[in-house]
Amino acid sequence: RPFYNALNFLWDARLESNLVVRESGKEIFKVLDYGKLVRLRASTFEIKEPETLNWIKGFDPKDNLLDIGANIGIYSLYAAYRGINVTSIEPDALNYALLNLNIRLNNFGGKIVPYCVAIHNKRKFSKFNISSNCWGGALNSFDNSFDYKGEVFKPIHSQGVFGIDLDSFIDVLPSIPNHLKIDVDGNEHLILIGAKKLLTNKSLKSILIELDEKRKDYESSKFMIEQSGFKLAEKKQSNIFNQGPFLSTFNHIFIR
């Protein structure tokens, strides 16, 4: 019995271990340490997407953010730390669980509301196809098995998930988002198709969307945003992505 009690103690302690996320040396929030990808996301916070951090820093204090593809919540947590109200979308079961745990860990329950749905171009139940079974994983896809480059991949697991178009989802929110972040590794074009009302709503001030230049729907995705009254203000990627498979993938920031 003492042996098993000790094992239980160690296991519980491991589940409660957390990582400090810092900005300019200052602790700003924590995330639970659930594996190597989580540790990577925490340790590269300032260098992975500095353009995203600068974008969030530019929000007005009363603005709100809709974070589609929140993963474990790194940018939702950062926005909440800065006083912004956030709606976070994450369909991956592991990431959604950890997103909720991280919200609770930082006492951000009053600032972030998470939803486990997939934003799509229409309402439907379908499969959420997962490329890697790990906490903090990415490169998954809803209702198809195409990756961020539009190429077929073989899922290692599929979840049942409800998909909903963004305009219908916005109808149930208390307010229109002022800022929209889309990072879903491939289904960006479908999300935009289902967001025609939102894109033309003047309450929406800016959009940060990750797009791969080599996808066939790249120009069409940009056109849908620009014809709704936005202009491309920035197109950037961190130096850590200027070689390798993500060479043609950039964060695009559009402003009205």
C-alpha atoms as a PDB file:
ATOM      1  CA  ARG A   1       0.000   0.000   0.000  1.00  0.00           C
ATOM      2  CA  PRO A   2       2.734   2.618   0.798  1.00  0.00           C
ATOM      3  CA  PHE A   3       4.328   1.880  -2.584  1.00  0.00           C
ATOM      4  CA  TYR A   4       1.093   2.574  -4.468  1.00  0.00           C
ATOM      5  CA  ASN A   5       0.425   5.652  -2.359  1.00  0.00           C
ATOM      6  CA  ALA A   6       3.864   6.957  -3.315  1.00  0.00           C
ATOM      7  CA  LEU A   7       3.192   6.258  -6.994  1.00  0.00           C
ATOM      8  CA  ASN A   8      -0.136   8.063  -6.786  1.00  0.00           C
ATOM      9  CA  PHE A   9       1.540  11.026  -5.105  1.00  0.00           C
ATOM     10  CA  LEU A  10       4.199  11.223  -7.806  1.00  0.00           C
ATOM     11  CA  TRP A  11       1.632  10.905 -10.569  1.00  0.00           C
ATOM     12  CA  ASP A  12      -0.578  13.611  -9.077  1.00  0.00           C
ATOM     13  CA  ALA A  13       2.446  15.878  -8.623  1.00  0.00           C
ATOM     14  CA  ARG A  14       3.425  15.316 -12.258  1.00  0.00           C
ATOM     15  CA  LEU A  15      -0.053  16.306 -13.458  1.00  0.00           C
ATOM     16  CA  GLU A  16       0.145  19.511 -11.416  1.00  0.00           C
ATOM     17  CA  SER A  17       3.613  20.539 -12.635  1.00  0.00           C
ATOM     18  CA  ASN A  18       3.522  23.819 -14.524  1.00  0.00           C
ATOM     19  CA  LEU A  19       5.689  26.016 -16.696  1.00  0.00           C
ATOM     20  CA  VAL A  20       6.175  29.753 -16.325  1.00  0.00           C
ATOM     21  CA  VAL A  21       5.674  31.798 -19.490  1.00  0.00           C
ATOM     22  CA  ARG A  22       7.659  35.046 -19.463  1.00  0.00           C
ATOM     23  CA  GLU A  23       7.738  38.277 -21.436  1.00  0.00           C
ATOM     24  CA  SER A  24      10.933  40.346 -21.172  1.00  0.00           C
ATOM     25  CA  GLY A  25      11.858  38.266 -18.141  1.00  0.00           C
ATOM     26  CA  LYS A  26       8.576  38.889 -16.331  1.00  0.00           C
ATOM     27  CA  GLU A  27       6.230  36.034 -15.435  1.00  0.00           C
ATOM     28  CA  ILE A  28       2.905  36.655 -17.173  1.00  0.00           C
ATOM     29  CA  PHE A  29       1.063  33.330 -16.888  1.00  0.00           C
ATOM     30  CA  LYS A  30       1.586  29.584 -16.480  1.00  0.00           C
ATOM     31  CA  VAL A  31       0.679  26.459 -18.427  1.00  0.00           C
ATOM     32  CA  LEU A  32       0.558  22.909 -17.165  1.00  0.00           C
ATOM     33  CA  ASP A  33       3.563  20.824 -18.228  1.00  0.00           C
ATOM     34  CA  TYR A  34       1.930  18.091 -20.291  1.00  0.00           C
ATOM     35  CA  GLY A  35       4.786  17.079 -22.549  1.00  0.00           C
ATOM     36  CA  LYS A  36       7.448  18.192 -24.987  1.00  0.00           C
ATOM     37  CA  LEU A  37       5.204  20.183 -27.347  1.00  0.00           C
ATOM     38  CA  VAL A  38       3.735  22.127 -24.445  1.00  0.00           C
ATOM     39  CA  ARG A  39       7.241  22.856 -23.170  1.00  0.00           C
ATOM     40  CA  LEU A  40       8.230  24.012 -26.670  1.00  0.00           C
ATOM     41  CA  ARG A  41       5.241  26.352 -26.892  1.00  0.00           C
ATOM     42  CA  ALA A  42       6.055  27.840 -23.498  1.00  0.00           C
ATOM     43  CA  SER A  43       9.785  28.236 -24.137  1.00  0.00           C
ATOM     44  CA  THR A  44       9.355  29.833 -27.586  1.00  0.00           C
ATOM     45  CA  PHE A  45       6.566  32.196 -26.534  1.00  0.00           C
ATOM     46  CA  GLU A  46       8.447  35.400 -27.412  1.00  0.00           C
ATOM     47  CA  ILE A  47      10.111  34.195 -30.618  1.00  0.00           C
ATOM     48  CA  LYS A  48       7.587  31.887 -32.329  1.00  0.00           C
ATOM     49  CA  GLU A  49       5.030  34.530 -33.358  1.00  0.00           C
ATOM     50  CA  PRO A  50       6.182  37.994 -32.241  1.00  0.00           C
ATOM     51  CA  GLU A  51       3.805  39.541 -34.765  1.00  0.00           C
ATOM     52  CA  THR A  52       0.868  37.912 -32.950  1.00  0.00           C
ATOM     53  CA  LEU A  53       2.021  39.331 -29.612  1.00  0.00           C
ATOM     54  CA  ASN A  54       2.393  42.815 -31.108  1.00  0.00           C
ATOM     55  CA  TRP A  55      -1.051  42.523 -32.694  1.00  0.00           C
ATOM     56  CA  ILE A  56      -2.638  41.673 -29.340  1.00  0.00           C
ATOM     57  CA  LYS A  57      -0.739  44.503 -27.645  1.00  0.00           C
ATOM     58  CA  GLY A  58      -2.443  46.932 -30.010  1.00  0.00           C
ATOM     59  CA  PHE A  59      -5.984  46.070 -28.880  1.00  0.00           C
ATOM     60  CA  ASP A  60      -8.048  48.679 -27.069  1.00  0.00           C
ATOM     61  CA  PRO A  61      -8.784  47.703 -23.421  1.00  0.00           C
ATOM     62  CA  LYS A  62     -12.503  47.178 -24.100  1.00  0.00           C
ATOM     63  CA  ASP A  63     -11.954  45.058 -27.229  1.00  0.00           C
ATOM     64  CA  ASN A  64     -12.652  41.346 -27.396  1.00  0.00           C
ATOM     65  CA  LEU A  65     -10.932  38.545 -29.308  1.00  0.00           C
ATOM     66  CA  LEU A  66     -12.223  35.423 -31.037  1.00  0.00           C
ATOM     67  CA  ASP A  67      -9.381  32.876 -31.135  1.00  0.00           C
ATOM     68  CA  ILE A  68     -10.151  30.071 -33.614  1.00  0.00           C
ATOM     69  CA  GLY A  69      -7.643  27.261 -33.234  1.00  0.00           C
ATOM     70  CA  ALA A  70      -6.603  28.216 -29.710  1.00  0.00           C
ATOM     71  CA  ASN A  71      -4.660  24.982 -29.098  1.00  0.00           C
ATOM     72  CA  ILE A  72      -3.619  24.955 -25.398  1.00  0.00           C
ATOM     73  CA  GLY A  73      -4.423  28.663 -25.134  1.00  0.00           C
ATOM     74  CA  ILE A  74      -1.076  30.460 -25.362  1.00  0.00           C
ATOM     75  CA  TYR A  75      -2.454  33.520 -27.195  1.00  0.00           C
ATOM     76  CA  SER A  76      -5.850  33.450 -25.478  1.00  0.00           C
ATOM     77  CA  LEU A  77      -4.023  33.489 -22.138  1.00  0.00           C
ATOM     78  CA  TYR A  78      -1.815  36.352 -23.280  1.00  0.00           C
ATOM     79  CA  ALA A  79      -4.819  38.404 -24.365  1.00  0.00           C
ATOM     80  CA  ALA A  80      -6.569  37.679 -21.052  1.00  0.00           C
ATOM     81  CA  TYR A  81      -3.413  38.677 -19.173  1.00  0.00           C
ATOM     82  CA  ARG A  82      -3.638  42.014 -20.975  1.00  0.00           C
ATOM     83  CA  GLY A  83      -7.258  42.435 -19.902  1.00  0.00           C
ATOM     84  CA  ILE A  84      -8.963  41.397 -23.152  1.00  0.00           C
ATOM     85  CA  ASN A  85     -12.117  39.259 -23.118  1.00  0.00           C
ATOM     86  CA  VAL A  86     -11.589  36.148 -25.239  1.00  0.00           C
ATOM     87  CA  THR A  87     -13.731  33.462 -26.862  1.00  0.00           C
ATOM     88  CA  SER A  88     -11.518  30.444 -27.608  1.00  0.00           C
ATOM     89  CA  ILE A  89     -12.318  27.692 -30.107  1.00  0.00           C
ATOM     90  CA  GLU A  90     -10.474  24.365 -29.964  1.00  0.00           C
ATOM     91  CA  PRO A  91     -11.952  21.053 -31.218  1.00  0.00           C
ATOM     92  CA  ASP A  92      -9.008  18.751 -30.375  1.00  0.00           C
ATOM     93  CA  ALA A  93      -9.995  16.844 -27.206  1.00  0.00           C
ATOM     94  CA  LEU A  94      -6.543  16.881 -25.593  1.00  0.00           C
ATOM     95  CA  ASN A  95      -5.892  20.531 -26.384  1.00  0.00           C
ATOM     96  CA  TYR A  96      -9.387  21.560 -25.294  1.00  0.00           C
ATOM     97  CA  ALA A  97      -8.903  19.824 -21.944  1.00  0.00           C
ATOM     98  CA  LEU A  98      -5.538  21.504 -21.420  1.00  0.00           C
ATOM     99  CA  LEU A  99      -6.927  24.856 -22.575  1.00  0.00           C
ATOM    100  CA  ASN A 100      -9.528  24.644 -19.811  1.00  0.00           C
ATOM    101  CA  LEU A 101      -6.966  23.547 -17.226  1.00  0.00           C
ATOM    102  CA  ASN A 102      -4.692  26.459 -18.172  1.00  0.00           C
ATOM    103  CA  ILE A 103      -7.573  28.920 -17.896  1.00  0.00           C
ATOM    104  CA  ARG A 104      -8.294  27.642 -14.408  1.00  0.00           C
ATOM    105  CA  LEU A 105      -4.610  27.579 -13.436  1.00  0.00           C
ATOM    106  CA  ASN A 106      -4.341  31.314 -14.165  1.00  0.00           C
ATOM    107  CA  ASN A 107      -7.759  32.265 -12.747  1.00  0.00           C
ATOM    108  CA  PHE A 108      -8.795  33.577 -16.169  1.00  0.00           C
ATOM    109  CA  GLY A 109     -12.284  32.066 -16.068  1.00  0.00           C
ATOM    110  CA  GLY A 110     -13.764  35.546 -16.037  1.00  0.00           C
ATOM    111  CA  LYS A 111     -11.875  36.544 -19.194  1.00  0.00           C
ATOM    112  CA  ILE A 112     -11.861  33.432 -21.447  1.00  0.00           C
ATOM    113  CA  VAL A 113     -14.823  31.303 -22.554  1.00  0.00           C
ATOM    114  CA  PRO A 114     -13.714  28.120 -24.414  1.00  0.00           C
ATOM    115  CA  TYR A 115     -15.808  26.094 -26.865  1.00  0.00           C
ATOM    116  CA  CYS A 116     -15.103  22.615 -28.239  1.00  0.00           C
ATOM    117  CA  VAL A 117     -16.506  23.000 -31.761  1.00  0.00           C
ATOM    118  CA  ALA A 118     -15.051  23.191 -35.256  1.00  0.00           C
ATOM    119  CA  ILE A 119     -15.661  26.381 -37.227  1.00  0.00           C
ATOM    120  CA  HIS A 120     -16.632  25.423 -40.764  1.00  0.00           C
ATOM    121  CA  ASN A 121     -18.659  26.720 -43.722  1.00  0.00           C
ATOM    122  CA  LYS A 122     -21.863  24.980 -42.580  1.00  0.00           C
ATOM    123  CA  ARG A 123     -23.419  23.147 -39.652  1.00  0.00           C
ATOM    124  CA  LYS A 124     -22.693  19.439 -39.553  1.00  0.00           C
ATOM    125  CA  PHE A 125     -21.453  16.589 -37.415  1.00  0.00           C
ATOM    126  CA  SER A 126     -18.294  15.100 -38.883  1.00  0.00           C
ATOM    127  CA  LYS A 127     -14.862  13.737 -38.058  1.00  0.00           C
ATOM    128  CA  PHE A 128     -12.022  15.811 -36.700  1.00  0.00           C
ATOM    129  CA  ASN A 129      -8.957  14.093 -38.115  1.00  0.00           C
ATOM    130  CA  ILE A 130      -5.901  14.168 -35.872  1.00  0.00           C
ATOM    131  CA  SER A 131      -2.324  13.938 -37.116  1.00  0.00           C
ATOM    132  CA  SER A 132      -0.546  13.399 -33.759  1.00  0.00           C
ATOM    133  CA  ASN A 133      -1.825  12.151 -30.445  1.00  0.00           C
ATOM    134  CA  CYS A 134      -0.106  14.540 -28.047  1.00  0.00           C
ATOM    135  CA  TRP A 135      -0.868  17.526 -25.852  1.00  0.00           C
ATOM    136  CA  GLY A 136      -0.305  20.745 -27.781  1.00  0.00           C
ATOM    137  CA  GLY A 137      -0.446  18.960 -31.132  1.00  0.00           C
ATOM    138  CA  ALA A 138      -1.557  20.690 -34.328  1.00  0.00           C
ATOM    139  CA  LEU A 139      -1.928  20.063 -38.088  1.00  0.00           C
ATOM    140  CA  ASN A 140      -5.379  18.494 -37.722  1.00  0.00           C
ATOM    141  CA  SER A 141      -8.394  18.942 -40.003  1.00  0.00           C
ATOM    142  CA  PHE A 142     -12.194  18.897 -39.731  1.00  0.00           C
ATOM    143  CA  ASP A 143     -14.398  17.053 -42.250  1.00  0.00           C
ATOM    144  CA  ASN A 144     -11.461  16.182 -44.530  1.00  0.00           C
ATOM    145  CA  SER A 145      -7.965  14.711 -44.437  1.00  0.00           C
ATOM    146  CA  PHE A 146      -6.052  17.554 -46.070  1.00  0.00           C
ATOM    147  CA  ASP A 147      -3.148  19.223 -44.288  1.00  0.00           C
ATOM    148  CA  TYR A 148      -2.130  22.892 -44.168  1.00  0.00           C
ATOM    149  CA  LYS A 149      -0.661  22.616 -47.683  1.00  0.00           C
ATOM    150  CA  GLY A 150      -3.783  20.982 -49.092  1.00  0.00           C
ATOM    151  CA  GLU A 151      -2.127  17.568 -49.305  1.00  0.00           C
ATOM    152  CA  VAL A 152      -3.710  14.321 -48.093  1.00  0.00           C
ATOM    153  CA  PHE A 153      -2.549  12.988 -44.733  1.00  0.00           C
ATOM    154  CA  LYS A 154      -3.443   9.784 -42.874  1.00  0.00           C
ATOM    155  CA  PRO A 155      -5.028  10.528 -39.484  1.00  0.00           C
ATOM    156  CA  ILE A 156      -3.896   8.491 -36.498  1.00  0.00           C
ATOM    157  CA  HIS A 157      -7.277   9.085 -34.819  1.00  0.00           C
ATOM    158  CA  SER A 158     -10.627  10.738 -35.569  1.00  0.00           C
ATOM    159  CA  GLN A 159     -12.990  12.437 -33.131  1.00  0.00           C
ATOM    160  CA  GLY A 160     -16.653  13.151 -33.647  1.00  0.00           C
ATOM    161  CA  VAL A 161     -17.057  16.942 -33.601  1.00  0.00           C
ATOM    162  CA  PHE A 162     -19.851  19.379 -34.374  1.00  0.00           C
ATOM    163  CA  GLY A 163     -18.994  21.968 -37.010  1.00  0.00           C
ATOM    164  CA  ILE A 164     -20.711  25.310 -37.364  1.00  0.00           C
ATOM    165  CA  ASP A 165     -20.320  28.260 -39.695  1.00  0.00           C
ATOM    166  CA  LEU A 166     -18.838  31.348 -38.070  1.00  0.00           C
ATOM    167  CA  ASP A 167     -21.837  33.583 -38.759  1.00  0.00           C
ATOM    168  CA  SER A 168     -24.153  31.165 -36.937  1.00  0.00           C
ATOM    169  CA  PHE A 169     -21.708  30.845 -34.056  1.00  0.00           C
ATOM    170  CA  ILE A 170     -21.444  34.626 -33.703  1.00  0.00           C
ATOM    171  CA  ASP A 171     -25.226  34.795 -33.336  1.00  0.00           C
ATOM    172  CA  VAL A 172     -25.006  33.043 -29.942  1.00  0.00           C
ATOM    173  CA  LEU A 173     -22.223  35.258 -28.582  1.00  0.00           C
ATOM    174  CA  PRO A 174     -23.013  38.281 -26.414  1.00  0.00           C
ATOM    175  CA  SER A 175     -21.101  40.625 -28.739  1.00  0.00           C
ATOM    176  CA  ILE A 176     -19.392  40.798 -32.115  1.00  0.00           C
ATOM    177  CA  PRO A 177     -15.632  40.135 -31.867  1.00  0.00           C
ATOM    178  CA  ASN A 178     -13.417  43.147 -32.483  1.00  0.00           C
ATOM    179  CA  HIS A 179     -10.467  40.985 -33.466  1.00  0.00           C
ATOM    180  CA  LEU A 180     -10.379  37.575 -35.133  1.00  0.00           C
ATOM    181  CA  LYS A 181      -7.518  35.074 -35.061  1.00  0.00           C
ATOM    182  CA  ILE A 182      -7.683  32.048 -37.372  1.00  0.00           C
ATOM    183  CA  ASP A 183      -5.010  29.360 -37.091  1.00  0.00           C
ATOM    184  CA  VAL A 184      -6.478  26.031 -38.178  1.00  0.00           C
ATOM    185  CA  ASP A 185      -3.809  24.537 -40.447  1.00  0.00           C
ATOM    186  CA  GLY A 186      -5.775  24.225 -43.667  1.00  0.00           C
ATOM    187  CA  ASN A 187      -9.494  24.975 -43.364  1.00  0.00           C
ATOM    188  CA  GLU A 188      -9.123  28.761 -43.359  1.00  0.00           C
ATOM    189  CA  HIS A 189     -10.884  29.125 -46.707  1.00  0.00           C
ATOM    190  CA  LEU A 190     -13.947  27.201 -45.502  1.00  0.00           C
ATOM    191  CA  ILE A 191     -14.118  29.314 -42.344  1.00  0.00           C
ATOM    192  CA  LEU A 192     -14.075  32.510 -44.398  1.00  0.00           C
ATOM    193  CA  ILE A 193     -16.867  31.214 -46.655  1.00  0.00           C
ATOM    194  CA  GLY A 194     -19.030  30.804 -43.547  1.00  0.00           C
ATOM    195  CA  ALA A 195     -18.163  34.252 -42.169  1.00  0.00           C
ATOM    196  CA  LYS A 196     -19.571  36.644 -44.773  1.00  0.00           C
ATOM    197  CA  LYS A 197     -21.739  38.583 -42.286  1.00  0.00           C
ATOM    198  CA  LEU A 198     -18.965  38.903 -39.734  1.00  0.00           C
ATOM    199  CA  LEU A 199     -16.386  40.052 -42.271  1.00  0.00           C
ATOM    200  CA  THR A 200     -18.576  42.982 -43.303  1.00  0.00           C
ATOM    201  CA  ASN A 201     -19.520  43.938 -39.738  1.00  0.00           C
ATOM    202  CA  LYS A 202     -17.817  47.210 -38.804  1.00  0.00           C
ATOM    203  CA  SER A 203     -17.298  46.009 -35.212  1.00  0.00           C
ATOM    204  CA  LEU A 204     -14.618  43.661 -36.536  1.00  0.00           C
ATOM    205  CA  LYS A 205     -11.461  45.793 -36.623  1.00  0.00           C
ATOM    206  CA  SER A 206      -8.717  43.309 -37.534  1.00  0.00           C
ATOM    207  CA  ILE A 207      -7.978  39.735 -38.583  1.00  0.00           C
ATOM    208  CA  LEU A 208      -4.866  37.660 -38.046  1.00  0.00           C
ATOM    209  CA  ILE A 209      -4.932  34.556 -40.214  1.00  0.00           C
ATOM    210  CA  GLU A 210      -2.216  32.005 -40.943  1.00  0.00           C
ATOM    211  CA  LEU A 211      -2.119  31.188 -44.660  1.00  0.00           C
ATOM    212  CA  ASP A 212       0.185  29.113 -46.820  1.00  0.00           C
ATOM    213  CA  GLU A 213       1.077  30.884 -50.083  1.00  0.00           C
ATOM    214  CA  LYS A 214       1.284  27.622 -52.020  1.00  0.00           C
ATOM    215  CA  ARG A 215      -2.305  26.530 -51.385  1.00  0.00           C
ATOM    216  CA  LYS A 216      -4.673  26.737 -54.347  1.00  0.00           C
ATOM    217  CA  ASP A 217      -7.164  28.754 -52.293  1.00  0.00           C
ATOM    218  CA  TYR A 218      -4.593  31.280 -51.020  1.00  0.00           C
ATOM    219  CA  GLU A 219      -5.548  34.161 -53.328  1.00  0.00           C
ATOM    220  CA  SER A 220      -9.245  33.438 -52.904  1.00  0.00           C
ATOM    221  CA  SER A 221      -8.904  33.586 -49.121  1.00  0.00           C
ATOM    222  CA  LYS A 222      -7.164  36.951 -49.309  1.00  0.00           C
ATOM    223  CA  PHE A 223      -9.748  38.248 -51.763  1.00  0.00           C
ATOM    224  CA  MET A 224     -12.675  37.360 -49.483  1.00  0.00           C
ATOM    225  CA  ILE A 225     -11.112  39.361 -46.664  1.00  0.00           C
ATOM    226  CA  GLU A 226     -10.091  42.330 -48.787  1.00  0.00           C
ATOM    227  CA  GLN A 227     -13.438  42.633 -50.569  1.00  0.00           C
ATOM    228  CA  SER A 228     -15.054  42.906 -47.124  1.00  0.00           C
ATOM    229  CA  GLY A 229     -13.247  46.176 -46.461  1.00  0.00           C
ATOM    230  CA  PHE A 230      -9.894  45.062 -45.029  1.00  0.00           C
ATOM    231  CA  LYS A 231      -6.382  45.761 -46.243  1.00  0.00           C
ATOM    232  CA  LEU A 232      -3.281  43.686 -45.633  1.00  0.00           C
ATOM    233  CA  ALA A 233      -1.152  45.487 -43.031  1.00  0.00           C
ATOM    234  CA  GLU A 234       1.468  42.818 -42.294  1.00  0.00           C
ATOM    235  CA  LYS A 235       2.624  39.484 -43.628  1.00  0.00           C
ATOM    236  CA  LYS A 236       5.263  37.930 -41.414  1.00  0.00           C
ATOM    237  CA  GLN A 237       6.824  34.777 -40.071  1.00  0.00           C
ATOM    238  CA  SER A 238       9.403  34.252 -37.361  1.00  0.00           C
ATOM    239  CA  ASN A 239      13.005  33.544 -38.321  1.00  0.00           C
ATOM    240  CA  ILE A 240      12.573  30.040 -36.927  1.00  0.00           C
ATOM    241  CA  PHE A 241      10.256  29.287 -39.885  1.00  0.00           C
ATOM    242  CA  ASN A 242      12.414  30.708 -42.699  1.00  0.00           C
ATOM    243  CA  GLN A 243      13.477  27.207 -43.627  1.00  0.00           C
ATOM    244  CA  GLY A 244      11.813  23.799 -43.539  1.00  0.00           C
ATOM    245  CA  PRO A 245       8.199  22.766 -44.241  1.00  0.00           C
ATOM    246  CA  PHE A 246       6.622  26.056 -43.106  1.00  0.00           C
ATOM    247  CA  LEU A 247       8.708  28.285 -45.364  1.00  0.00           C
ATOM    248  CA  SER A 248       5.643  29.432 -47.343  1.00  0.00           C
ATOM    249  CA  THR A 249       3.355  29.887 -44.316  1.00  0.00           C
ATOM    250  CA  PHE A 250       2.846  33.415 -42.968  1.00  0.00           C
ATOM    251  CA  ASN A 251       0.700  35.228 -40.471  1.00  0.00           C
ATOM    252  CA  HIS A 252      -1.353  37.792 -42.384  1.00  0.00           C
ATOM    253  CA  ILE A 253      -2.748  40.739 -40.422  1.00  0.00           C
ATOM    254  CA  PHE A 254      -5.620  42.628 -42.039  1.00  0.00           C
ATOM    255  CA  ILE A 255      -7.083  45.880 -40.696  1.00  0.00           C
ATOM    256  CA  ARG A 256     -10.284  47.684 -41.625  1.00  0.00           C
END
